[in-house]
Amino acid sequence: MLRLVVGAALLAATGVMAQVRCLPEQDYANSALESAGNGLQEDGEMVQELKRTIDLNDMISNCTQLRHRVEGNPIADVISELVLRLQKISPADVEMLADGHRAQDNELVDEVLVANNIINKMIDATDEELRREPPNLGALILASNNIEEYVRTHQRIMLDEDRQF
């Protein structure tokens, strides 16, 4: 944890963390069912829009590959910490992240989407670009911290519910 804080302080001092928040990218895939703009298909039936999904195993695999690629850079510590936090997500939440038909998004979905978008941008960047100016590293640290907070809170709630029975 200390390495993560030191890495964040180092990056803050160099001005890399100027942009601290990154909203999840929207995925506007063309749907086979075109709607008339009012939530209805042209034949009048309701259209349920699919939400973005995250395969957590793929995300962890991408993070691991990226971590090996940037070994020795403070970015590797941030990514290692993110992987540890992603691995703590409960199986029920992993299923929720992979469900495109979920009723609503929660803060975990938002934070995982932010982290996934940043990881994907880092994977697409060249090694030189990652050394000079990693994309939204401050937002990645914030998302990672928020994921850990969500997991900790969720575990505490589950323990309290178990004690009631």
N, C-alpha and C. Protein backbone atom coordinates (compact mmCIF):
# COMPACT_ATOMS: atom_id res chain seq x y z
N MET A 1 0.83 -1.18 0.00
CA MET A 1 0.00 0.00 0.00
C MET A 1 0.88 1.25 0.00
N LEU A 2 1.97 1.19 0.74
CA LEU A 2 2.88 2.33 0.80
C LEU A 2 3.47 2.61 -0.58
N ARG A 3 3.79 1.54 -1.32
CA ARG A 3 4.34 1.71 -2.67
C ARG A 3 3.34 2.41 -3.57
N LEU A 4 2.06 2.10 -3.38
CA LEU A 4 1.00 2.72 -4.17
C LEU A 4 0.91 4.21 -3.87
N VAL A 5 0.98 4.56 -2.59
CA VAL A 5 0.92 5.97 -2.18
C VAL A 5 2.14 6.72 -2.69
N VAL A 6 3.31 6.11 -2.57
CA VAL A 6 4.54 6.75 -3.05
C VAL A 6 4.47 6.94 -4.56
N GLY A 7 3.98 5.92 -5.27
CA GLY A 7 3.83 6.02 -6.72
C GLY A 7 2.87 7.13 -7.11
N ALA A 8 1.76 7.26 -6.38
CA ALA A 8 0.79 8.32 -6.66
C ALA A 8 1.40 9.69 -6.38
N ALA A 9 2.16 9.79 -5.29
CA ALA A 9 2.80 11.07 -4.96
C ALA A 9 3.82 11.45 -6.03
N LEU A 10 4.58 10.47 -6.49
CA LEU A 10 5.57 10.72 -7.54
C LEU A 10 4.88 11.21 -8.81
N LEU A 11 3.81 10.55 -9.18
CA LEU A 11 3.09 10.94 -10.39
C LEU A 11 2.40 12.29 -10.22
N ALA A 12 1.92 12.59 -9.01
CA ALA A 12 1.30 13.89 -8.77
C ALA A 12 2.34 15.00 -8.90
N ALA A 13 3.53 14.73 -8.41
CA ALA A 13 4.59 15.74 -8.48
C ALA A 13 5.02 16.01 -9.92
N THR A 14 4.90 15.02 -10.78
CA THR A 14 5.30 15.21 -12.17
C THR A 14 4.16 15.72 -13.03
N GLY A 15 2.98 15.92 -12.42
CA GLY A 15 1.85 16.48 -13.17
C GLY A 15 1.05 15.46 -13.95
N VAL A 16 1.35 14.19 -13.78
CA VAL A 16 0.64 13.15 -14.53
C VAL A 16 -0.80 13.02 -14.06
N MET A 17 -1.04 13.30 -12.77
CA MET A 17 -2.37 13.09 -12.22
C MET A 17 -3.26 14.33 -12.35
N ALA A 18 -3.02 15.16 -13.34
CA ALA A 18 -3.82 16.37 -13.51
C ALA A 18 -5.28 16.04 -13.75
N GLN A 19 -5.54 15.01 -14.51
CA GLN A 19 -6.92 14.62 -14.75
C GLN A 19 -7.23 13.45 -13.84
N VAL A 20 -8.12 13.65 -12.86
CA VAL A 20 -8.32 12.66 -11.83
C VAL A 20 -9.55 11.79 -12.05
N ARG A 21 -10.45 12.17 -12.90
CA ARG A 21 -11.68 11.41 -13.06
C ARG A 21 -11.92 11.11 -14.52
N CYS A 22 -12.34 9.91 -14.81
CA CYS A 22 -12.62 9.49 -16.17
C CYS A 22 -13.96 8.78 -16.16
N LEU A 23 -14.91 9.28 -16.89
CA LEU A 23 -16.21 8.63 -16.95
C LEU A 23 -16.12 7.39 -17.82
N PRO A 24 -16.97 6.40 -17.54
CA PRO A 24 -16.96 5.20 -18.38
C PRO A 24 -17.29 5.56 -19.82
N GLU A 25 -16.56 4.96 -20.74
CA GLU A 25 -16.85 5.20 -22.15
C GLU A 25 -18.17 4.56 -22.50
N GLN A 26 -18.91 5.20 -23.37
CA GLN A 26 -20.17 4.64 -23.81
C GLN A 26 -19.92 3.70 -24.98
N ASP A 27 -20.62 2.63 -24.99
CA ASP A 27 -20.49 1.64 -26.05
C ASP A 27 -21.78 1.67 -26.85
N TYR A 28 -21.76 2.39 -27.97
CA TYR A 28 -22.96 2.52 -28.77
C TYR A 28 -22.89 1.58 -29.96
N ALA A 29 -23.07 0.30 -29.68
CA ALA A 29 -23.05 -0.69 -30.76
C ALA A 29 -24.36 -0.61 -31.52
N ASN A 30 -24.28 -0.82 -32.82
CA ASN A 30 -25.51 -0.84 -33.60
C ASN A 30 -26.30 -2.07 -33.22
N SER A 31 -27.53 -1.85 -32.87
CA SER A 31 -28.38 -2.95 -32.45
C SER A 31 -29.17 -3.47 -33.64
N ALA A 32 -29.47 -4.75 -33.62
CA ALA A 32 -30.26 -5.34 -34.69
C ALA A 32 -31.69 -4.84 -34.63
N LEU A 33 -32.13 -4.42 -33.45
CA LEU A 33 -33.48 -3.89 -33.29
C LEU A 33 -33.40 -2.37 -33.22
N GLU A 34 -33.77 -1.71 -34.29
CA GLU A 34 -33.74 -0.26 -34.30
C GLU A 34 -34.97 0.27 -33.60
N SER A 35 -34.80 1.25 -32.75
CA SER A 35 -35.95 1.83 -32.06
C SER A 35 -36.32 3.15 -32.71
N ALA A 36 -37.52 3.60 -32.43
CA ALA A 36 -38.02 4.85 -32.99
C ALA A 36 -37.61 6.03 -32.12
N GLY A 37 -36.71 5.84 -31.15
CA GLY A 37 -36.23 6.92 -30.31
C GLY A 37 -37.05 7.10 -29.05
N ASN A 38 -38.11 6.33 -28.87
CA ASN A 38 -38.95 6.47 -27.69
C ASN A 38 -38.94 5.22 -26.82
N GLY A 39 -37.95 4.34 -27.01
CA GLY A 39 -37.87 3.11 -26.24
C GLY A 39 -38.73 2.00 -26.81
N LEU A 40 -39.37 2.27 -27.95
CA LEU A 40 -40.21 1.26 -28.58
C LEU A 40 -39.64 0.88 -29.93
N GLN A 41 -39.80 -0.37 -30.31
CA GLN A 41 -39.44 -0.78 -31.66
C GLN A 41 -40.48 -0.20 -32.60
N GLU A 42 -40.20 -0.26 -33.88
CA GLU A 42 -41.15 0.28 -34.84
C GLU A 42 -42.48 -0.45 -34.79
N ASP A 43 -42.49 -1.70 -34.32
CA ASP A 43 -43.76 -2.43 -34.22
C ASP A 43 -44.45 -2.18 -32.88
N GLY A 44 -43.90 -1.29 -32.04
CA GLY A 44 -44.55 -0.89 -30.79
C GLY A 44 -44.11 -1.67 -29.57
N GLU A 45 -43.26 -2.69 -29.71
CA GLU A 45 -42.80 -3.46 -28.56
C GLU A 45 -41.66 -2.72 -27.86
N MET A 46 -41.54 -2.96 -26.55
CA MET A 46 -40.48 -2.32 -25.77
C MET A 46 -39.11 -2.88 -26.15
N VAL A 47 -38.12 -2.00 -26.18
CA VAL A 47 -36.75 -2.39 -26.46
C VAL A 47 -35.97 -2.27 -25.15
N GLN A 48 -35.28 -3.34 -24.77
CA GLN A 48 -34.43 -3.28 -23.59
C GLN A 48 -33.00 -3.12 -24.06
N GLU A 49 -32.40 -1.98 -23.72
CA GLU A 49 -31.02 -1.74 -24.13
C GLU A 49 -30.08 -2.56 -23.27
N LEU A 50 -29.11 -3.19 -23.91
CA LEU A 50 -28.10 -3.95 -23.19
C LEU A 50 -27.09 -3.00 -22.58
N LYS A 51 -26.68 -3.30 -21.37
CA LYS A 51 -25.66 -2.50 -20.71
C LYS A 51 -24.29 -3.09 -21.03
N ARG A 52 -23.26 -2.27 -20.86
CA ARG A 52 -21.91 -2.78 -21.08
C ARG A 52 -21.60 -3.87 -20.09
N THR A 53 -20.91 -4.86 -20.55
CA THR A 53 -20.55 -5.98 -19.67
C THR A 53 -19.03 -6.05 -19.54
N ILE A 54 -18.61 -6.61 -18.43
CA ILE A 54 -17.19 -6.80 -18.17
C ILE A 54 -16.97 -8.26 -17.80
N ASP A 55 -16.09 -8.92 -18.54
CA ASP A 55 -15.64 -10.26 -18.16
C ASP A 55 -14.43 -10.04 -17.26
N LEU A 56 -14.63 -10.24 -15.97
CA LEU A 56 -13.58 -9.92 -15.00
C LEU A 56 -12.32 -10.75 -15.22
N ASN A 57 -12.48 -12.00 -15.65
CA ASN A 57 -11.29 -12.82 -15.92
C ASN A 57 -10.46 -12.24 -17.06
N ASP A 58 -11.12 -11.75 -18.11
CA ASP A 58 -10.40 -11.10 -19.21
C ASP A 58 -9.71 -9.83 -18.73
N MET A 59 -10.41 -9.06 -17.90
CA MET A 59 -9.83 -7.82 -17.40
C MET A 59 -8.59 -8.10 -16.55
N ILE A 60 -8.67 -9.11 -15.68
CA ILE A 60 -7.52 -9.46 -14.84
C ILE A 60 -6.37 -9.95 -15.71
N SER A 61 -6.68 -10.72 -16.74
CA SER A 61 -5.65 -11.20 -17.66
C SER A 61 -4.97 -10.02 -18.38
N ASN A 62 -5.78 -9.06 -18.85
CA ASN A 62 -5.22 -7.87 -19.50
C ASN A 62 -4.34 -7.08 -18.54
N CYS A 63 -4.80 -6.94 -17.30
CA CYS A 63 -4.01 -6.21 -16.29
C CYS A 63 -2.68 -6.91 -16.03
N THR A 64 -2.71 -8.22 -15.94
CA THR A 64 -1.49 -8.99 -15.68
C THR A 64 -0.49 -8.83 -16.82
N GLN A 65 -0.97 -8.91 -18.06
CA GLN A 65 -0.09 -8.72 -19.22
C GLN A 65 0.50 -7.32 -19.22
N LEU A 66 -0.33 -6.32 -18.92
CA LEU A 66 0.14 -4.94 -18.90
C LEU A 66 1.16 -4.74 -17.78
N ARG A 67 0.91 -5.36 -16.62
CA ARG A 67 1.84 -5.24 -15.49
C ARG A 67 3.22 -5.78 -15.86
N HIS A 68 3.27 -6.91 -16.55
CA HIS A 68 4.56 -7.46 -16.97
C HIS A 68 5.23 -6.55 -18.00
N ARG A 69 4.43 -5.92 -18.82
CA ARG A 69 4.97 -5.02 -19.86
C ARG A 69 5.62 -3.78 -19.25
N VAL A 70 5.08 -3.28 -18.14
CA VAL A 70 5.60 -2.04 -17.54
C VAL A 70 6.38 -2.32 -16.26
N GLU A 71 6.88 -3.53 -16.12
CA GLU A 71 7.67 -3.92 -14.94
C GLU A 71 8.75 -2.88 -14.65
N GLY A 72 8.88 -2.50 -13.38
CA GLY A 72 9.88 -1.51 -12.99
C GLY A 72 9.37 -0.08 -13.02
N ASN A 73 8.21 0.14 -13.56
CA ASN A 73 7.58 1.46 -13.63
C ASN A 73 6.56 1.54 -12.49
N PRO A 74 6.34 2.71 -11.87
CA PRO A 74 5.33 2.81 -10.81
C PRO A 74 3.93 2.38 -11.25
N ILE A 75 3.69 2.40 -12.55
CA ILE A 75 2.40 1.95 -13.07
C ILE A 75 2.17 0.49 -12.71
N ALA A 76 3.23 -0.31 -12.69
CA ALA A 76 3.10 -1.74 -12.38
C ALA A 76 2.55 -1.95 -10.97
N ASP A 77 2.95 -1.11 -10.02
CA ASP A 77 2.44 -1.22 -8.66
C ASP A 77 0.94 -0.92 -8.60
N VAL A 78 0.53 0.10 -9.33
CA VAL A 78 -0.89 0.48 -9.37
C VAL A 78 -1.70 -0.67 -9.97
N ILE A 79 -1.20 -1.25 -11.04
CA ILE A 79 -1.91 -2.34 -11.71
C ILE A 79 -1.94 -3.59 -10.82
N SER A 80 -0.85 -3.88 -10.11
CA SER A 80 -0.83 -5.02 -9.19
C SER A 80 -1.88 -4.86 -8.10
N GLU A 81 -1.98 -3.66 -7.57
CA GLU A 81 -2.98 -3.37 -6.53
C GLU A 81 -4.39 -3.52 -7.09
N LEU A 82 -4.61 -3.07 -8.31
CA LEU A 82 -5.92 -3.21 -8.95
C LEU A 82 -6.28 -4.68 -9.12
N VAL A 83 -5.34 -5.50 -9.57
CA VAL A 83 -5.60 -6.93 -9.76
C VAL A 83 -6.00 -7.58 -8.43
N LEU A 84 -5.29 -7.26 -7.36
CA LEU A 84 -5.64 -7.82 -6.05
C LEU A 84 -7.06 -7.44 -5.65
N ARG A 85 -7.44 -6.21 -5.93
CA ARG A 85 -8.78 -5.75 -5.57
C ARG A 85 -9.86 -6.38 -6.45
N LEU A 86 -9.55 -6.55 -7.72
CA LEU A 86 -10.52 -7.19 -8.63
C LEU A 86 -10.75 -8.64 -8.22
N GLN A 87 -9.71 -9.31 -7.74
CA GLN A 87 -9.84 -10.71 -7.33
C GLN A 87 -10.69 -10.88 -6.08
N LYS A 88 -10.90 -9.81 -5.32
CA LYS A 88 -11.72 -9.87 -4.11
C LYS A 88 -13.21 -9.68 -4.38
N ILE A 89 -13.57 -9.35 -5.60
CA ILE A 89 -14.98 -9.12 -5.93
C ILE A 89 -15.74 -10.44 -5.80
N SER A 90 -16.89 -10.38 -5.17
CA SER A 90 -17.67 -11.59 -4.90
C SER A 90 -18.19 -12.22 -6.20
N PRO A 91 -18.42 -13.53 -6.18
CA PRO A 91 -18.97 -14.20 -7.38
C PRO A 91 -20.29 -13.60 -7.85
N ALA A 92 -21.14 -13.18 -6.92
CA ALA A 92 -22.42 -12.56 -7.30
C ALA A 92 -22.18 -11.26 -8.06
N ASP A 93 -21.21 -10.47 -7.61
CA ASP A 93 -20.90 -9.21 -8.30
C ASP A 93 -20.22 -9.47 -9.64
N VAL A 94 -19.43 -10.53 -9.73
CA VAL A 94 -18.81 -10.90 -11.01
C VAL A 94 -19.91 -11.23 -12.02
N GLU A 95 -20.92 -11.97 -11.58
CA GLU A 95 -22.05 -12.29 -12.47
C GLU A 95 -22.80 -11.03 -12.88
N MET A 96 -22.99 -10.11 -11.93
CA MET A 96 -23.69 -8.86 -12.22
C MET A 96 -22.93 -8.05 -13.28
N LEU A 97 -21.61 -8.00 -13.16
CA LEU A 97 -20.80 -7.25 -14.13
C LEU A 97 -20.92 -7.84 -15.53
N ALA A 98 -21.09 -9.14 -15.62
CA ALA A 98 -21.17 -9.82 -16.91
C ALA A 98 -22.58 -9.83 -17.49
N ASP A 99 -23.57 -9.35 -16.72
CA ASP A 99 -24.97 -9.39 -17.15
C ASP A 99 -25.35 -8.10 -17.88
N GLY A 100 -25.57 -8.21 -19.17
CA GLY A 100 -25.97 -7.04 -19.95
C GLY A 100 -27.41 -6.63 -19.71
N HIS A 101 -28.18 -7.46 -19.02
CA HIS A 101 -29.58 -7.17 -18.75
C HIS A 101 -29.83 -6.71 -17.32
N ARG A 102 -28.77 -6.34 -16.58
CA ARG A 102 -28.97 -5.93 -15.20
C ARG A 102 -29.89 -4.72 -15.15
N ALA A 103 -30.68 -4.64 -14.09
CA ALA A 103 -31.69 -3.58 -13.97
C ALA A 103 -31.04 -2.20 -13.88
N GLN A 104 -29.97 -2.10 -13.13
CA GLN A 104 -29.31 -0.81 -12.98
C GLN A 104 -27.84 -1.01 -12.67
N ASP A 105 -27.06 0.03 -12.89
CA ASP A 105 -25.65 -0.01 -12.56
C ASP A 105 -25.48 0.51 -11.13
N ASN A 106 -24.45 0.04 -10.47
CA ASN A 106 -24.12 0.57 -9.15
C ASN A 106 -22.70 1.12 -9.21
N GLU A 107 -22.20 1.56 -8.06
CA GLU A 107 -20.87 2.18 -8.06
C GLU A 107 -19.78 1.19 -8.44
N LEU A 108 -19.95 -0.09 -8.15
CA LEU A 108 -18.94 -1.07 -8.55
C LEU A 108 -18.85 -1.15 -10.07
N VAL A 109 -20.00 -1.21 -10.73
CA VAL A 109 -20.02 -1.27 -12.20
C VAL A 109 -19.31 -0.05 -12.77
N ASP A 110 -19.64 1.13 -12.24
CA ASP A 110 -19.02 2.37 -12.74
C ASP A 110 -17.50 2.34 -12.58
N GLU A 111 -17.04 1.94 -11.41
CA GLU A 111 -15.59 1.96 -11.14
C GLU A 111 -14.85 0.91 -11.96
N VAL A 112 -15.45 -0.28 -12.12
CA VAL A 112 -14.80 -1.32 -12.93
C VAL A 112 -14.75 -0.89 -14.39
N LEU A 113 -15.82 -0.24 -14.88
CA LEU A 113 -15.81 0.26 -16.26
C LEU A 113 -14.73 1.31 -16.46
N VAL A 114 -14.59 2.23 -15.50
CA VAL A 114 -13.54 3.25 -15.58
C VAL A 114 -12.17 2.58 -15.63
N ALA A 115 -11.92 1.66 -14.71
CA ALA A 115 -10.62 0.98 -14.66
C ALA A 115 -10.38 0.20 -15.95
N ASN A 116 -11.39 -0.49 -16.45
CA ASN A 116 -11.24 -1.28 -17.67
C ASN A 116 -10.92 -0.39 -18.87
N ASN A 117 -11.60 0.75 -18.97
CA ASN A 117 -11.33 1.68 -20.07
C ASN A 117 -9.89 2.18 -20.03
N ILE A 118 -9.41 2.51 -18.84
CA ILE A 118 -8.04 3.02 -18.71
C ILE A 118 -7.03 1.92 -19.03
N ILE A 119 -7.28 0.72 -18.53
CA ILE A 119 -6.38 -0.41 -18.83
C ILE A 119 -6.33 -0.65 -20.33
N ASN A 120 -7.49 -0.62 -21.00
CA ASN A 120 -7.51 -0.83 -22.45
C ASN A 120 -6.74 0.26 -23.18
N LYS A 121 -6.83 1.51 -22.71
CA LYS A 121 -6.05 2.60 -23.34
C LYS A 121 -4.56 2.39 -23.12
N MET A 122 -4.19 1.91 -21.94
CA MET A 122 -2.78 1.65 -21.67
C MET A 122 -2.26 0.50 -22.53
N ILE A 123 -3.08 -0.51 -22.73
CA ILE A 123 -2.67 -1.63 -23.59
C ILE A 123 -2.44 -1.14 -25.01
N ASP A 124 -3.29 -0.23 -25.48
CA ASP A 124 -3.17 0.29 -26.84
C ASP A 124 -2.00 1.26 -27.01
N ALA A 125 -1.52 1.84 -25.91
CA ALA A 125 -0.43 2.82 -25.98
C ALA A 125 0.91 2.11 -26.19
N THR A 126 1.84 2.83 -26.78
CA THR A 126 3.19 2.29 -26.95
C THR A 126 3.92 2.36 -25.61
N ASP A 127 5.03 1.64 -25.50
CA ASP A 127 5.82 1.67 -24.27
C ASP A 127 6.32 3.08 -23.98
N GLU A 128 6.73 3.80 -25.02
CA GLU A 128 7.21 5.17 -24.85
C GLU A 128 6.10 6.08 -24.32
N GLU A 129 4.89 5.94 -24.86
CA GLU A 129 3.76 6.75 -24.39
C GLU A 129 3.44 6.44 -22.93
N LEU A 130 3.54 5.19 -22.54
CA LEU A 130 3.28 4.83 -21.15
C LEU A 130 4.32 5.41 -20.20
N ARG A 131 5.58 5.47 -20.64
CA ARG A 131 6.63 6.04 -19.80
C ARG A 131 6.48 7.55 -19.68
N ARG A 132 6.19 8.21 -20.78
CA ARG A 132 6.09 9.67 -20.77
C ARG A 132 4.83 10.17 -20.07
N GLU A 133 3.68 9.65 -20.48
CA GLU A 133 2.42 10.17 -19.96
C GLU A 133 1.35 9.07 -19.95
N PRO A 134 1.29 8.31 -18.88
CA PRO A 134 0.27 7.26 -18.81
C PRO A 134 -1.13 7.88 -18.78
N PRO A 135 -2.07 7.30 -19.51
CA PRO A 135 -3.40 7.89 -19.57
C PRO A 135 -4.18 7.71 -18.27
N ASN A 136 -4.61 8.83 -17.69
CA ASN A 136 -5.52 8.83 -16.53
C ASN A 136 -5.09 7.93 -15.37
N LEU A 137 -3.83 7.96 -15.03
CA LEU A 137 -3.36 7.10 -13.94
C LEU A 137 -4.02 7.48 -12.62
N GLY A 138 -4.26 8.76 -12.42
CA GLY A 138 -4.95 9.20 -11.20
C GLY A 138 -6.35 8.62 -11.11
N ALA A 139 -7.05 8.58 -12.24
CA ALA A 139 -8.40 8.00 -12.27
C ALA A 139 -8.34 6.50 -12.01
N LEU A 140 -7.28 5.84 -12.48
CA LEU A 140 -7.13 4.40 -12.25
C LEU A 140 -6.92 4.13 -10.76
N ILE A 141 -6.11 4.95 -10.10
CA ILE A 141 -5.88 4.80 -8.66
C ILE A 141 -7.19 5.04 -7.90
N LEU A 142 -7.92 6.08 -8.29
CA LEU A 142 -9.19 6.38 -7.63
C LEU A 142 -10.19 5.25 -7.83
N ALA A 143 -10.30 4.73 -9.05
CA ALA A 143 -11.22 3.62 -9.31
C ALA A 143 -10.82 2.39 -8.50
N SER A 144 -9.54 2.10 -8.43
CA SER A 144 -9.05 0.96 -7.66
C SER A 144 -9.40 1.10 -6.18
N ASN A 145 -9.18 2.30 -5.64
CA ASN A 145 -9.53 2.55 -4.24
C ASN A 145 -11.03 2.40 -4.01
N ASN A 146 -11.84 2.90 -4.94
CA ASN A 146 -13.29 2.81 -4.80
C ASN A 146 -13.78 1.36 -4.92
N ILE A 147 -13.12 0.57 -5.76
CA ILE A 147 -13.47 -0.86 -5.86
C ILE A 147 -13.20 -1.54 -4.52
N GLU A 148 -12.04 -1.25 -3.93
CA GLU A 148 -11.71 -1.85 -2.63
C GLU A 148 -12.73 -1.43 -1.57
N GLU A 149 -13.12 -0.17 -1.56
CA GLU A 149 -14.10 0.32 -0.59
C GLU A 149 -15.45 -0.37 -0.78
N TYR A 150 -15.87 -0.54 -2.03
CA TYR A 150 -17.13 -1.23 -2.31
C TYR A 150 -17.08 -2.67 -1.80
N VAL A 151 -15.99 -3.37 -2.11
CA VAL A 151 -15.85 -4.77 -1.69
C VAL A 151 -15.86 -4.86 -0.17
N ARG A 152 -15.13 -3.98 0.50
CA ARG A 152 -15.07 -4.00 1.96
C ARG A 152 -16.46 -3.75 2.56
N THR A 153 -17.17 -2.75 2.03
CA THR A 153 -18.51 -2.43 2.52
C THR A 153 -19.47 -3.59 2.26
N HIS A 154 -19.40 -4.16 1.08
CA HIS A 154 -20.27 -5.28 0.71
C HIS A 154 -20.02 -6.48 1.62
N GLN A 155 -18.75 -6.77 1.92
CA GLN A 155 -18.43 -7.89 2.81
C GLN A 155 -18.96 -7.64 4.22
N ARG A 156 -18.86 -6.39 4.68
CA ARG A 156 -19.34 -6.04 6.01
C ARG A 156 -20.86 -6.22 6.09
N ILE A 157 -21.57 -5.80 5.05
CA ILE A 157 -23.03 -5.95 5.01
C ILE A 157 -23.41 -7.43 5.02
N MET A 158 -22.69 -8.23 4.24
CA MET A 158 -22.98 -9.67 4.19
C MET A 158 -22.73 -10.33 5.54
N LEU A 159 -21.67 -9.94 6.23
CA LEU A 159 -21.40 -10.49 7.56
C LEU A 159 -22.50 -10.11 8.55
N ASP A 160 -22.96 -8.87 8.49
CA ASP A 160 -24.05 -8.42 9.36
C ASP A 160 -25.33 -9.20 9.09
N GLU A 161 -25.62 -9.47 7.83
CA GLU A 161 -26.82 -10.24 7.48
C GLU A 161 -26.69 -11.67 7.97
N ASP A 162 -25.49 -12.25 7.87
CA ASP A 162 -25.28 -13.62 8.36
C ASP A 162 -25.46 -13.72 9.87
N ARG A 163 -25.06 -12.69 10.59
CA ARG A 163 -25.19 -12.69 12.05
C ARG A 163 -26.64 -12.62 12.49
N GLN A 164 -27.50 -12.06 11.66
CA GLN A 164 -28.91 -11.93 12.02
C GLN A 164 -29.61 -13.28 12.04
N PHE A 165 -29.08 -14.25 11.32
CA PHE A 165 -29.72 -15.57 11.26
C PHE A 165 -29.14 -16.46 12.25
